[in-house]
C-alpha atoms as a PDB file:
ATOM      1  CA  MET A   1     -21.909 -13.307  -3.337  1.00  0.00           C
ATOM      2  CA  ASN A   2     -21.091 -11.555  -0.071  1.00  0.00           C
ATOM      3  CA  LYS A   3     -17.449 -11.922   0.973  1.00  0.00           C
ATOM      4  CA  THR A   4     -17.733 -10.754   4.576  1.00  0.00           C
ATOM      5  CA  PHE A   5     -16.136 -13.179   7.026  1.00  0.00           C
ATOM      6  CA  ILE A   6     -17.363 -13.289  10.620  1.00  0.00           C
ATOM      7  CA  PRO A   7     -14.751 -14.736  13.018  1.00  0.00           C
ATOM      8  CA  GLN A   8     -16.218 -17.130  15.552  1.00  0.00           C
ATOM      9  CA  SER A   9     -16.944 -15.541  18.956  1.00  0.00           C
ATOM     10  CA  TYR A  10     -15.491 -12.187  17.846  1.00  0.00           C
ATOM     11  CA  ARG A  11     -16.081  -9.178  20.095  1.00  0.00           C
ATOM     12  CA  PRO A  12     -14.466  -5.737  19.745  1.00  0.00           C
ATOM     13  CA  VAL A  13     -11.879  -5.069  22.434  1.00  0.00           C
ATOM     14  CA  LEU A  14     -12.540  -1.323  22.641  1.00  0.00           C
ATOM     15  CA  ASP A  15     -15.769   0.644  22.865  1.00  0.00           C
ATOM     16  CA  ALA A  16     -16.633   3.361  20.342  1.00  0.00           C
ATOM     17  CA  TYR A  17     -14.897   6.175  22.245  1.00  0.00           C
ATOM     18  CA  ASP A  18     -11.668   4.282  22.912  1.00  0.00           C
ATOM     19  CA  THR A  19     -11.654   3.023  19.328  1.00  0.00           C
ATOM     20  CA  GLN A  20     -11.432   6.597  18.076  1.00  0.00           C
ATOM     21  CA  ARG A  21      -8.732   7.416  20.627  1.00  0.00           C
ATOM     22  CA  ALA A  22      -6.708   4.383  19.598  1.00  0.00           C
ATOM     23  CA  ILE A  23      -6.971   5.214  15.880  1.00  0.00           C
ATOM     24  CA  ALA A  24      -5.699   8.728  16.548  1.00  0.00           C
ATOM     25  CA  TYR A  25      -2.864   7.393  18.728  1.00  0.00           C
ATOM     26  CA  ILE A  26      -1.754   4.850  16.112  1.00  0.00           C
ATOM     27  CA  LYS A  27      -1.685   7.432  13.330  1.00  0.00           C
ATOM     28  CA  HIS A  28       0.174  10.043  15.363  1.00  0.00           C
ATOM     29  CA  THR A  29       2.695   7.578  16.802  1.00  0.00           C
ATOM     30  CA  PHE A  30       3.420   5.742  13.568  1.00  0.00           C
ATOM     31  CA  GLN A  31       4.022   8.980  11.663  1.00  0.00           C
ATOM     32  CA  GLU A  32       6.563   9.939  14.315  1.00  0.00           C
ATOM     33  CA  GLU A  33       8.328   6.554  14.236  1.00  0.00           C
ATOM     34  CA  PHE A  34       8.173   6.151  10.465  1.00  0.00           C
ATOM     35  CA  SER A  35       9.268   9.631   9.386  1.00  0.00           C
ATOM     36  CA  GLY A  36      12.189   9.528  11.816  1.00  0.00           C
ATOM     37  CA  ALA A  37      13.355   6.104  10.631  1.00  0.00           C
ATOM     38  CA  LEU A  38      13.344   7.032   6.926  1.00  0.00           C
ATOM     39  CA  ASN A  39      14.218  10.758   7.236  1.00  0.00           C
ATOM     40  CA  LEU A  40      10.963  12.003   5.693  1.00  0.00           C
ATOM     41  CA  LYS A  41       9.262  15.403   5.799  1.00  0.00           C
ATOM     42  CA  ARG A  42       5.501  15.850   5.657  1.00  0.00           C
ATOM     43  CA  VAL A  43       4.038  17.635   2.607  1.00  0.00           C
ATOM     44  CA  SER A  44       0.594  18.430   1.202  1.00  0.00           C
ATOM     45  CA  ALA A  45      -0.633  16.402  -1.756  1.00  0.00           C
ATOM     46  CA  PRO A  46      -3.420  16.571  -4.379  1.00  0.00           C
ATOM     47  CA  LEU A  47      -6.724  14.728  -4.189  1.00  0.00           C
ATOM     48  CA  PHE A  48      -7.029  14.809  -7.993  1.00  0.00           C
ATOM     49  CA  VAL A  49      -4.840  15.332 -11.064  1.00  0.00           C
ATOM     50  CA  THR A  50      -5.555  16.161 -14.715  1.00  0.00           C
ATOM     51  CA  ARG A  51      -6.048  13.218 -17.028  1.00  0.00           C
ATOM     52  CA  GLU A  52      -3.435  14.341 -19.565  1.00  0.00           C
ATOM     53  CA  SER A  53      -0.679  14.687 -16.955  1.00  0.00           C
ATOM     54  CA  GLY A  54      -0.180  10.910 -16.785  1.00  0.00           C
ATOM     55  CA  LEU A  55       0.335  11.238 -13.018  1.00  0.00           C
ATOM     56  CA  ASN A  56      -2.463   8.949 -11.877  1.00  0.00           C
ATOM     57  CA  ASP A  57      -1.571   5.423 -10.828  1.00  0.00           C
ATOM     58  CA  ASP A  58      -3.120   2.699 -13.003  1.00  0.00           C
ATOM     59  CA  LEU A  59      -2.823   0.050 -10.261  1.00  0.00           C
ATOM     60  CA  ASN A  60      -3.665  -3.303 -11.890  1.00  0.00           C
ATOM     61  CA  GLY A  61      -4.812  -1.630 -15.118  1.00  0.00           C
ATOM     62  CA  TYR A  62      -8.558  -2.271 -14.926  1.00  0.00           C
ATOM     63  CA  GLU A  63      -9.685   0.080 -12.136  1.00  0.00           C
ATOM     64  CA  ARG A  64     -11.700   3.067 -13.404  1.00  0.00           C
ATOM     65  CA  PRO A  65     -10.725   6.397 -11.847  1.00  0.00           C
ATOM     66  CA  VAL A  66     -13.442   8.674 -10.532  1.00  0.00           C
ATOM     67  CA  SER A  67     -13.491  11.559 -13.025  1.00  0.00           C
ATOM     68  CA  PHE A  68     -15.238  14.912 -13.260  1.00  0.00           C
ATOM     69  CA  ASP A  69     -14.962  18.086 -15.263  1.00  0.00           C
ATOM     70  CA  VAL A  70     -13.828  21.421 -13.820  1.00  0.00           C
ATOM     71  CA  PRO A  71     -15.545  24.139 -15.876  1.00  0.00           C
ATOM     72  CA  ALA A  72     -13.452  26.903 -14.263  1.00  0.00           C
ATOM     73  CA  VAL A  73     -10.255  25.517 -15.848  1.00  0.00           C
ATOM     74  CA  GLY A  74     -11.798  23.693 -18.817  1.00  0.00           C
ATOM     75  CA  LYS A  75     -10.270  20.321 -17.994  1.00  0.00           C
ATOM     76  CA  ASP A  76     -11.265  16.862 -16.796  1.00  0.00           C
ATOM     77  CA  VAL A  77      -9.616  15.608 -13.615  1.00  0.00           C
ATOM     78  CA  GLN A  78      -9.310  12.225 -11.909  1.00  0.00           C
ATOM     79  CA  VAL A  79      -9.345  11.388  -8.217  1.00  0.00           C
ATOM     80  CA  VAL A  80      -5.937   9.826  -7.555  1.00  0.00           C
ATOM     81  CA  HIS A  81      -5.626   6.061  -7.128  1.00  0.00           C
ATOM     82  CA  SER A  82      -2.313   6.677  -5.422  1.00  0.00           C
ATOM     83  CA  LEU A  83       0.468   9.262  -5.557  1.00  0.00           C
ATOM     84  CA  ALA A  84       3.243   6.978  -6.808  1.00  0.00           C
ATOM     85  CA  LYS A  85       4.143   9.255  -9.723  1.00  0.00           C
ATOM     86  CA  TRP A  86       3.251  12.633  -8.202  1.00  0.00           C
ATOM     87  CA  LYS A  87       5.632  12.089  -5.272  1.00  0.00           C
ATOM     88  CA  ARG A  88       8.650  11.580  -7.499  1.00  0.00           C
ATOM     89  CA  LEU A  89       7.885  14.756  -9.394  1.00  0.00           C
ATOM     90  CA  ALA A  90       7.371  16.607  -6.101  1.00  0.00           C
ATOM     91  CA  LEU A  91      10.828  15.596  -4.856  1.00  0.00           C
ATOM     92  CA  LYS A  92      12.330  17.307  -7.913  1.00  0.00           C
ATOM     93  CA  ARG A  93      10.142  20.397  -7.641  1.00  0.00           C
ATOM     94  CA  TYR A  94      10.814  20.818  -3.915  1.00  0.00           C
ATOM     95  CA  ASN A  95      14.582  20.361  -4.347  1.00  0.00           C
ATOM     96  CA  PHE A  96      14.956  17.391  -1.998  1.00  0.00           C
ATOM     97  CA  SER A  97      18.449  15.911  -1.775  1.00  0.00           C
ATOM     98  CA  VAL A  98      19.726  12.313  -1.737  1.00  0.00           C
ATOM     99  CA  GLY A  99      18.819  10.526   1.498  1.00  0.00           C
ATOM    100  CA  ASN A 100      15.807  12.755   2.165  1.00  0.00           C
ATOM    101  CA  GLY A 101      12.184  12.195   1.321  1.00  0.00           C
ATOM    102  CA  LEU A 102       8.558  13.102   1.870  1.00  0.00           C
ATOM    103  CA  TYR A 103       5.363  11.541   3.157  1.00  0.00           C
ATOM    104  CA  THR A 104       1.760  12.623   2.931  1.00  0.00           C
ATOM    105  CA  ASP A 105      -1.807  11.531   3.589  1.00  0.00           C
ATOM    106  CA  MET A 106      -3.275   9.952   0.459  1.00  0.00           C
ATOM    107  CA  ASN A 107      -7.050   9.620   0.238  1.00  0.00           C
ATOM    108  CA  ALA A 108      -8.622   7.888  -2.738  1.00  0.00           C
ATOM    109  CA  ILE A 109     -11.876   6.441  -4.046  1.00  0.00           C
ATOM    110  CA  ARG A 110     -11.536   3.088  -5.790  1.00  0.00           C
ATOM    111  CA  ARG A 111     -14.957   2.538  -7.263  1.00  0.00           C
ATOM    112  CA  ASP A 112     -14.258  -0.965  -8.620  1.00  0.00           C
ATOM    113  CA  GLU A 113     -12.880  -2.391  -5.370  1.00  0.00           C
ATOM    114  CA  THR A 114     -14.385  -5.667  -4.146  1.00  0.00           C
ATOM    115  CA  LEU A 115     -15.828  -5.101  -0.673  1.00  0.00           C
ATOM    116  CA  ASP A 116     -14.866  -7.476   2.130  1.00  0.00           C
ATOM    117  CA  ASN A 117     -13.261  -7.415   5.587  1.00  0.00           C
ATOM    118  CA  ILE A 118     -10.118  -5.643   4.403  1.00  0.00           C
ATOM    119  CA  HIS A 119     -11.210  -3.811   1.228  1.00  0.00           C
ATOM    120  CA  SER A 120     -13.216  -0.591   0.983  1.00  0.00           C
ATOM    121  CA  ILE A 121     -13.884   1.867  -1.835  1.00  0.00           C
ATOM    122  CA  TYR A 122     -12.286   4.483   0.446  1.00  0.00           C
ATOM    123  CA  VAL A 123      -8.517   4.222   0.676  1.00  0.00           C
ATOM    124  CA  ASP A 124      -6.404   6.056   3.235  1.00  0.00           C
ATOM    125  CA  GLN A 125      -2.676   5.542   3.348  1.00  0.00           C
ATOM    126  CA  TRP A 126       0.617   7.221   4.004  1.00  0.00           C
ATOM    127  CA  ASP A 127       2.308   7.707   0.651  1.00  0.00           C
ATOM    128  CA  TRP A 128       6.063   8.243   0.881  1.00  0.00           C
ATOM    129  CA  GLU A 129       9.021   8.710  -1.443  1.00  0.00           C
ATOM    130  CA  LYS A 130      12.768   9.099  -0.879  1.00  0.00           C
ATOM    131  CA  ILE A 131      15.683  10.018  -3.162  1.00  0.00           C
ATOM    132  CA  ILE A 132      18.367   7.356  -3.516  1.00  0.00           C
ATOM    133  CA  THR A 133      21.604   6.873  -5.433  1.00  0.00           C
ATOM    134  CA  ARG A 134      22.006   4.527  -8.374  1.00  0.00           C
ATOM    135  CA  GLU A 135      24.085   2.275  -6.110  1.00  0.00           C
ATOM    136  CA  ASN A 136      20.997   1.863  -3.892  1.00  0.00           C
ATOM    137  CA  ARG A 137      18.988   0.298  -6.720  1.00  0.00           C
ATOM    138  CA  ASN A 138      19.261  -3.274  -5.433  1.00  0.00           C
ATOM    139  CA  LEU A 139      17.355  -5.792  -3.307  1.00  0.00           C
ATOM    140  CA  ASP A 140      19.644  -5.345  -0.309  1.00  0.00           C
ATOM    141  CA  TYR A 141      18.668  -1.692  -0.032  1.00  0.00           C
ATOM    142  CA  LEU A 142      14.990  -2.566  -0.495  1.00  0.00           C
ATOM    143  CA  LYS A 143      15.272  -5.063   2.383  1.00  0.00           C
ATOM    144  CA  LEU A 144      16.932  -2.413   4.564  1.00  0.00           C
ATOM    145  CA  ILE A 145      13.986  -0.062   4.041  1.00  0.00           C
ATOM    146  CA  VAL A 146      11.468  -2.853   4.693  1.00  0.00           C
ATOM    147  CA  ARG A 147      13.141  -3.685   8.005  1.00  0.00           C
ATOM    148  CA  SER A 148      13.047   0.003   9.002  1.00  0.00           C
ATOM    149  CA  ILE A 149       9.301   0.162   8.303  1.00  0.00           C
ATOM    150  CA  VAL A 150       8.658  -3.071  10.221  1.00  0.00           C
ATOM    151  CA  CYS A 151      10.606  -1.633  13.157  1.00  0.00           C
ATOM    152  CA  ALA A 152       8.467   1.539  13.068  1.00  0.00           C
ATOM    153  CA  ILE A 153       5.276  -0.561  12.993  1.00  0.00           C
ATOM    154  CA  CYS A 154       6.371  -2.773  15.888  1.00  0.00           C
ATOM    155  CA  ASN A 155       7.539   0.219  17.944  1.00  0.00           C
ATOM    156  CA  THR A 156       4.124   1.807  17.425  1.00  0.00           C
ATOM    157  CA  ASN A 157       2.406  -1.426  18.469  1.00  0.00           C
ATOM    158  CA  ASP A 158       4.506  -1.618  21.642  1.00  0.00           C
ATOM    159  CA  ARG A 159       3.660   1.969  22.542  1.00  0.00           C
ATOM    160  CA  LEU A 160      -0.027   1.289  21.829  1.00  0.00           C
ATOM    161  CA  HIS A 161       0.000  -1.564  24.376  1.00  0.00           C
ATOM    162  CA  VAL A 162       1.211   0.850  27.040  1.00  0.00           C
ATOM    163  CA  ARG A 163      -1.573   3.329  26.272  1.00  0.00           C
ATOM    164  CA  PHE A 164      -4.253   0.642  25.799  1.00  0.00           C
ATOM    165  CA  PRO A 165      -3.151  -2.424  27.820  1.00  0.00           C
ATOM    166  CA  GLN A 166      -6.331  -4.303  26.883  1.00  0.00           C
ATOM    167  CA  LEU A 167      -4.977  -4.621  23.304  1.00  0.00           C
ATOM    168  CA  ARG A 168      -2.802  -7.694  22.937  1.00  0.00           C
ATOM    169  CA  VAL A 169      -1.917  -8.101  19.245  1.00  0.00           C
ATOM    170  CA  GLU A 170       1.680  -9.315  18.914  1.00  0.00           C
ATOM    171  CA  LEU A 171       3.681  -8.491  15.777  1.00  0.00           C
ATOM    172  CA  SER A 172       6.962 -10.135  14.800  1.00  0.00           C
ATOM    173  CA  ARG A 173       9.992  -7.987  13.984  1.00  0.00           C
ATOM    174  CA  ASP A 174      11.625 -10.920  12.167  1.00  0.00           C
ATOM    175  CA  VAL A 175      10.988 -10.335   8.441  1.00  0.00           C
ATOM    176  CA  SER A 176      11.065 -13.281   6.045  1.00  0.00           C
ATOM    177  CA  PHE A 177      11.916 -12.330   2.436  1.00  0.00           C
ATOM    178  CA  ILE A 178      10.893 -14.347  -0.616  1.00  0.00           C
ATOM    179  CA  THR A 179      10.549 -13.620  -4.348  1.00  0.00           C
ATOM    180  CA  THR A 180       7.367 -14.343  -6.277  1.00  0.00           C
ATOM    181  CA  GLN A 181       9.191 -16.987  -8.327  1.00  0.00           C
ATOM    182  CA  GLU A 182      10.406 -18.721  -5.172  1.00  0.00           C
ATOM    183  CA  LEU A 183       6.847 -18.545  -3.888  1.00  0.00           C
ATOM    184  CA  GLU A 184       5.467 -20.112  -7.081  1.00  0.00           C
ATOM    185  CA  ASP A 185       8.096 -22.850  -6.899  1.00  0.00           C
ATOM    186  CA  LEU A 186       7.111 -23.508  -3.279  1.00  0.00           C
ATOM    187  CA  TYR A 187       3.348 -23.615  -3.951  1.00  0.00           C
ATOM    188  CA  PRO A 188       2.926 -24.378  -7.694  1.00  0.00           C
ATOM    189  CA  ASP A 189      -0.701 -25.479  -7.393  1.00  0.00           C
ATOM    190  CA  LEU A 190      -1.959 -22.408  -5.531  1.00  0.00           C
ATOM    191  CA  THR A 191      -3.096 -19.001  -6.780  1.00  0.00           C
ATOM    192  CA  GLY A 192      -1.124 -15.875  -5.934  1.00  0.00           C
ATOM    193  CA  SER A 193      -3.272 -14.919  -2.950  1.00  0.00           C
ATOM    194  CA  GLN A 194      -3.346 -18.523  -1.709  1.00  0.00           C
ATOM    195  CA  ARG A 195       0.461 -18.608  -1.832  1.00  0.00           C
ATOM    196  CA  GLU A 196       0.608 -15.407   0.210  1.00  0.00           C
ATOM    197  CA  ASN A 197      -1.673 -16.868   2.887  1.00  0.00           C
ATOM    198  CA  ALA A 198       0.222 -20.146   3.033  1.00  0.00           C
ATOM    199  CA  TYR A 199       3.610 -18.451   3.352  1.00  0.00           C
ATOM    200  CA  VAL A 200       2.636 -15.714   5.803  1.00  0.00           C
ATOM    201  CA  LYS A 201       0.908 -18.246   8.058  1.00  0.00           C
ATOM    202  CA  GLU A 202       4.329 -19.862   8.512  1.00  0.00           C
ATOM    203  CA  HIS A 203       6.241 -16.535   8.509  1.00  0.00           C
ATOM    204  CA  PRO A 204       4.068 -13.970  10.383  1.00  0.00           C
ATOM    205  CA  THR A 205       5.951 -10.965   9.011  1.00  0.00           C
ATOM    206  CA  ALA A 206       6.822 -11.498   5.362  1.00  0.00           C
ATOM    207  CA  CYS A 207       8.014  -9.484   2.392  1.00  0.00           C
ATOM    208  CA  ILE A 208       7.146 -10.822  -1.062  1.00  0.00           C
ATOM    209  CA  MET A 209       9.434  -9.332  -3.719  1.00  0.00           C
ATOM    210  CA  GLN A 210       9.529  -8.907  -7.526  1.00  0.00           C
ATOM    211  CA  ILE A 211       5.865  -8.410  -8.393  1.00  0.00           C
ATOM    212  CA  GLY A 212       4.591  -7.584 -11.880  1.00  0.00           C
ATOM    213  CA  GLY A 213       6.570  -9.581 -14.420  1.00  0.00           C
ATOM    214  CA  LYS A 214       5.642 -13.027 -15.736  1.00  0.00           C
ATOM    215  CA  LEU A 215       6.779 -16.062 -13.739  1.00  0.00           C
ATOM    216  CA  HIS A 216       7.862 -19.440 -15.140  1.00  0.00           C
ATOM    217  CA  SER A 217       4.185 -20.389 -15.316  1.00  0.00           C
ATOM    218  CA  GLY A 218       3.649 -17.584 -17.806  1.00  0.00           C
ATOM    219  CA  LYS A 219       1.508 -15.555 -15.399  1.00  0.00           C
ATOM    220  CA  PRO A 220       2.471 -12.703 -13.043  1.00  0.00           C
ATOM    221  CA  HIS A 221       2.012 -13.167  -9.301  1.00  0.00           C
ATOM    222  CA  ASP A 222      -0.095 -10.006  -9.294  1.00  0.00           C
ATOM    223  CA  GLY A 223      -0.609  -6.982 -11.505  1.00  0.00           C
ATOM    224  CA  ARG A 224       1.545  -3.861 -11.313  1.00  0.00           C
ATOM    225  CA  ALA A 225       1.484  -0.728 -13.434  1.00  0.00           C
ATOM    226  CA  PRO A 226       4.611  -0.607 -15.635  1.00  0.00           C
ATOM    227  CA  ASP A 227       5.568   3.003 -14.965  1.00  0.00           C
ATOM    228  CA  TYR A 228       6.366   3.397 -11.266  1.00  0.00           C
ATOM    229  CA  ASP A 229       7.929   0.313  -9.591  1.00  0.00           C
ATOM    230  CA  ASP A 230      10.814  -1.594 -11.110  1.00  0.00           C
ATOM    231  CA  TRP A 231       9.294  -5.094 -11.168  1.00  0.00           C
ATOM    232  CA  GLN A 232      12.645  -6.603 -10.161  1.00  0.00           C
ATOM    233  CA  LEU A 233      12.992  -4.281  -7.151  1.00  0.00           C
ATOM    234  CA  ASN A 234       9.551  -4.018  -5.520  1.00  0.00           C
ATOM    235  CA  CYS A 235       7.618  -5.844  -2.819  1.00  0.00           C
ATOM    236  CA  ASP A 236       4.512  -6.189  -0.656  1.00  0.00           C
ATOM    237  CA  LEU A 237       4.758  -6.331   3.140  1.00  0.00           C
ATOM    238  CA  PHE A 238       2.416  -8.697   4.998  1.00  0.00           C
ATOM    239  CA  PHE A 239       1.581  -9.467   8.620  1.00  0.00           C
ATOM    240  CA  TRP A 240      -0.406 -12.493   9.767  1.00  0.00           C
ATOM    241  CA  ASP A 241      -3.813 -11.364  10.992  1.00  0.00           C
ATOM    242  CA  SER A 242      -4.766 -13.860  13.708  1.00  0.00           C
ATOM    243  CA  VAL A 243      -8.307 -12.482  14.015  1.00  0.00           C
ATOM    244  CA  LEU A 244      -9.141 -13.086  10.353  1.00  0.00           C
ATOM    245  CA  GLY A 245      -6.740 -16.022   9.945  1.00  0.00           C
ATOM    246  CA  ARG A 246      -5.149 -14.588   6.815  1.00  0.00           C
ATOM    247  CA  ALA A 247      -2.233 -12.606   5.443  1.00  0.00           C
ATOM    248  CA  LEU A 248      -2.854  -8.871   5.656  1.00  0.00           C
ATOM    249  CA  GLU A 249      -0.991  -6.643   3.211  1.00  0.00           C
ATOM    250  CA  ILE A 250       0.052  -3.459   5.013  1.00  0.00           C
ATOM    251  CA  SER A 251       2.317  -1.897   2.432  1.00  0.00           C
ATOM    252  CA  SER A 252       3.253  -1.992  -1.236  1.00  0.00           C
ATOM    253  CA  MET A 253       6.579  -0.365  -2.096  1.00  0.00           C
ATOM    254  CA  GLY A 254       9.479  -0.454  -4.460  1.00  0.00           C
ATOM    255  CA  ILE A 255      12.517   1.118  -6.029  1.00  0.00           C
ATOM    256  CA  ARG A 256      11.122   3.157  -8.877  1.00  0.00           C
ATOM    257  CA  VAL A 257      11.810   2.665 -12.564  1.00  0.00           C
ATOM    258  CA  ASP A 258      14.775   4.302 -14.207  1.00  0.00           C
ATOM    259  CA  ALA A 259      14.781   4.957 -17.964  1.00  0.00           C
ATOM    260  CA  GLN A 260      15.940   1.429 -18.787  1.00  0.00           C
ATOM    261  CA  ALA A 261      13.376  -0.324 -16.561  1.00  0.00           C
ATOM    262  CA  LEU A 262      10.560   1.904 -17.825  1.00  0.00           C
ATOM    263  CA  ASP A 263      11.451   1.192 -21.444  1.00  0.00           C
ATOM    264  CA  ARG A 264      11.473  -2.560 -20.758  1.00  0.00           C
ATOM    265  CA  GLN A 265       8.217  -2.608 -18.793  1.00  0.00           C
ATOM    266  CA  LEU A 266       6.287  -0.413 -21.236  1.00  0.00           C
ATOM    267  CA  LYS A 267       7.182  -2.847 -24.009  1.00  0.00           C
ATOM    268  CA  GLU A 268       6.367  -5.923 -21.920  1.00  0.00           C
ATOM    269  CA  SER A 269       2.960  -4.574 -20.862  1.00  0.00           C
ATOM    270  CA  GLY A 270       1.987  -3.169 -24.271  1.00  0.00           C
ATOM    271  CA  CYS A 271       1.826   0.395 -22.967  1.00  0.00           C
ATOM    272  CA  ASP A 272       4.166   2.132 -25.410  1.00  0.00           C
ATOM    273  CA  ASN A 273       1.528   4.815 -25.982  1.00  0.00           C
ATOM    274  CA  ARG A 274       2.430   6.294 -22.571  1.00  0.00           C
ATOM    275  CA  ARG A 275       5.883   7.346 -23.755  1.00  0.00           C
ATOM    276  CA  ALA A 276       4.544  10.683 -24.995  1.00  0.00           C
ATOM    277  CA  LEU A 277       3.057  11.708 -21.623  1.00  0.00           C
ATOM    278  CA  PRO A 278       4.963  14.497 -19.809  1.00  0.00           C
ATOM    279  CA  PHE A 279       5.834  12.416 -16.738  1.00  0.00           C
ATOM    280  CA  HIS A 280       7.077   9.517 -18.838  1.00  0.00           C
ATOM    281  CA  GLN A 281       9.156  11.808 -21.023  1.00  0.00           C
ATOM    282  CA  MET A 282      10.908  13.056 -17.894  1.00  0.00           C
ATOM    283  CA  LEU A 283      11.655   9.481 -16.836  1.00  0.00           C
ATOM    284  CA  LEU A 284      12.920   8.377 -20.225  1.00  0.00           C
ATOM    285  CA  THR A 285      15.316  11.343 -20.375  1.00  0.00           C
ATOM    286  CA  ASP A 286      16.560  10.820 -16.785  1.00  0.00           C
ATOM    287  CA  SER A 287      15.126  14.178 -15.710  1.00  0.00           C
ATOM    288  CA  LEU A 288      13.719  12.898 -12.395  1.00  0.00           C
ATOM    289  CA  PRO A 289      15.644  11.719  -9.318  1.00  0.00           C
ATOM    290  CA  LEU A 290      16.079   8.017  -8.603  1.00  0.00           C
ATOM    291  CA  THR A 291      13.744   7.108  -5.763  1.00  0.00           C
ATOM    292  CA  ILE A 292      12.207   4.438  -3.584  1.00  0.00           C
ATOM    293  CA  GLY A 293       8.669   4.791  -2.279  1.00  0.00           C
ATOM    294  CA  GLY A 294       5.393   3.173  -1.378  1.00  0.00           C
ATOM    295  CA  GLY A 295       2.140   3.350   0.495  1.00  0.00           C
ATOM    296  CA  ILE A 296       1.218   2.151   3.987  1.00  0.00           C
ATOM    297  CA  GLY A 297      -2.453   1.558   4.729  1.00  0.00           C
ATOM    298  CA  GLN A 298      -3.692   3.666   7.632  1.00  0.00           C
ATOM    299  CA  SER A 299      -6.935   1.784   8.244  1.00  0.00           C
ATOM    300  CA  ARG A 300      -5.256  -1.579   7.636  1.00  0.00           C
ATOM    301  CA  LEU A 301      -2.580  -0.783  10.214  1.00  0.00           C
ATOM    302  CA  SER A 302      -5.191   0.333  12.744  1.00  0.00           C
ATOM    303  CA  MET A 303      -7.382  -2.744  12.320  1.00  0.00           C
ATOM    304  CA  LEU A 304      -4.338  -5.029  12.614  1.00  0.00           C
ATOM    305  CA  MET A 305      -3.036  -3.462  15.823  1.00  0.00           C
ATOM    306  CA  MET A 306      -6.486  -3.200  17.402  1.00  0.00           C
ATOM    307  CA  GLY A 307      -7.475  -6.754  16.489  1.00  0.00           C
ATOM    308  CA  CYS A 308     -10.512  -5.684  14.447  1.00  0.00           C
ATOM    309  CA  ALA A 309     -12.460  -8.069  12.240  1.00  0.00           C
ATOM    310  CA  HIS A 310     -13.553  -5.512   9.628  1.00  0.00           C
ATOM    311  CA  ILE A 311     -11.954  -2.431   8.159  1.00  0.00           C
ATOM    312  CA  GLY A 312     -15.272  -0.625   8.628  1.00  0.00           C
ATOM    313  CA  GLU A 313     -14.562  -0.632  12.376  1.00  0.00           C
ATOM    314  CA  VAL A 314     -11.762   1.903  11.858  1.00  0.00           C
ATOM    315  CA  GLN A 315     -12.942   3.946   8.856  1.00  0.00           C
ATOM    316  CA  SER A 316     -16.190   5.436   7.633  1.00  0.00           C
ATOM    317  CA  SER A 317     -17.167   4.088   4.215  1.00  0.00           C
ATOM    318  CA  ILE A 318     -20.191   2.607   2.446  1.00  0.00           C
ATOM    319  CA  TRP A 319     -21.253  -1.044   2.500  1.00  0.00           C
ATOM    320  CA  ASP A 320     -23.852  -3.254   0.869  1.00  0.00           C
ATOM    321  CA  GLU A 321     -26.955  -4.219   2.824  1.00  0.00           C
ATOM    322  CA  GLU A 322     -25.836  -7.814   3.367  1.00  0.00           C
ATOM    323  CA  THR A 323     -22.548  -6.696   4.936  1.00  0.00           C
ATOM    324  CA  LEU A 324     -24.389  -4.272   7.196  1.00  0.00           C
ATOM    325  CA  ARG A 325     -26.777  -7.017   8.311  1.00  0.00           C
ATOM    326  CA  LEU A 326     -24.063  -9.618   8.926  1.00  0.00           C
ATOM    327  CA  CYS A 327     -21.948  -7.198  10.949  1.00  0.00           C
ATOM    328  CA  GLU A 328     -24.901  -5.970  13.007  1.00  0.00           C
ATOM    329  CA  ASP A 329     -25.971  -9.547  13.801  1.00  0.00           C
ATOM    330  CA  ALA A 330     -22.386 -10.383  14.849  1.00  0.00           C
ATOM    331  CA  GLY A 331     -21.963  -7.278  17.004  1.00  0.00           C
ATOM    332  CA  ILE A 332     -19.322  -5.759  14.707  1.00  0.00           C
ATOM    333  CA  PRO A 333     -19.785  -1.953  14.854  1.00  0.00           C
ATOM    334  CA  LEU A 334     -19.144  -0.264  11.487  1.00  0.00           C
ATOM    335  CA  LEU A 335     -18.376   3.454  11.622  1.00  0.00           C
END
């Protein structure tokens, strides 16, 4: 069943040329605001990693990575799902110090993604990671970082309005924080995504924390790999998308696992076999710095600020025939 939603009376605000100009402006401006706010330096990052390295992100655990063999080196490699693990290793290799971090463009192919207005098999995001102290491993510090990112997003949106005054999307700087258990208690009869929509509709900028572990109902709010975020110290950042009438996740982030959290989460998720992987060995022996990090969707941010109805308006991907037909009939131009 096709999941494309066509908003009533929707028309793109910008033409094709100005759309490309606006995308470029958003990306350039946000990088400037964001890297300055979090003290991050830009680095280059891999498109693929070897399978045996254990560096690929398993996301929710069911997504199949795109794999291929490299005869020249005699190994199989996987296109990254994200750089959650690679970034932490890079901070050690590049000799970053406490309070400093990195960011990079992350491009991925998620072959099992469900296609709709906000999901594509092509993923583009800013991946970032920053070294912290053990004293920073708490929810108050996580909230501080979230507020800094929201400020960078809203500053970018304000500057975009000056450059393109015809764009009128308003974003709230007031962040509402809630845990997944508090969210389940508030909406016990709804699914995880339904709870997100209900809450963000009432709180247009919202941060939902502690994702991955089981709630009182016996089910997790959403899936999380056990070996990068500490499930007690992570979150998703949402803005209310008035064009689509739904919560739009812009960022997933978290304070990363230390040895104790990794040990606990590997047991809880039944992934003890990962302990022998090189990356996991470094974590379990406290050989990597303590960090916080996440990803911020580039196309998602652009479509939000530009008031687009479909992510295909701001990125070039591939779509099924029904989506192409529906968007053409509705005057939604897909790149």
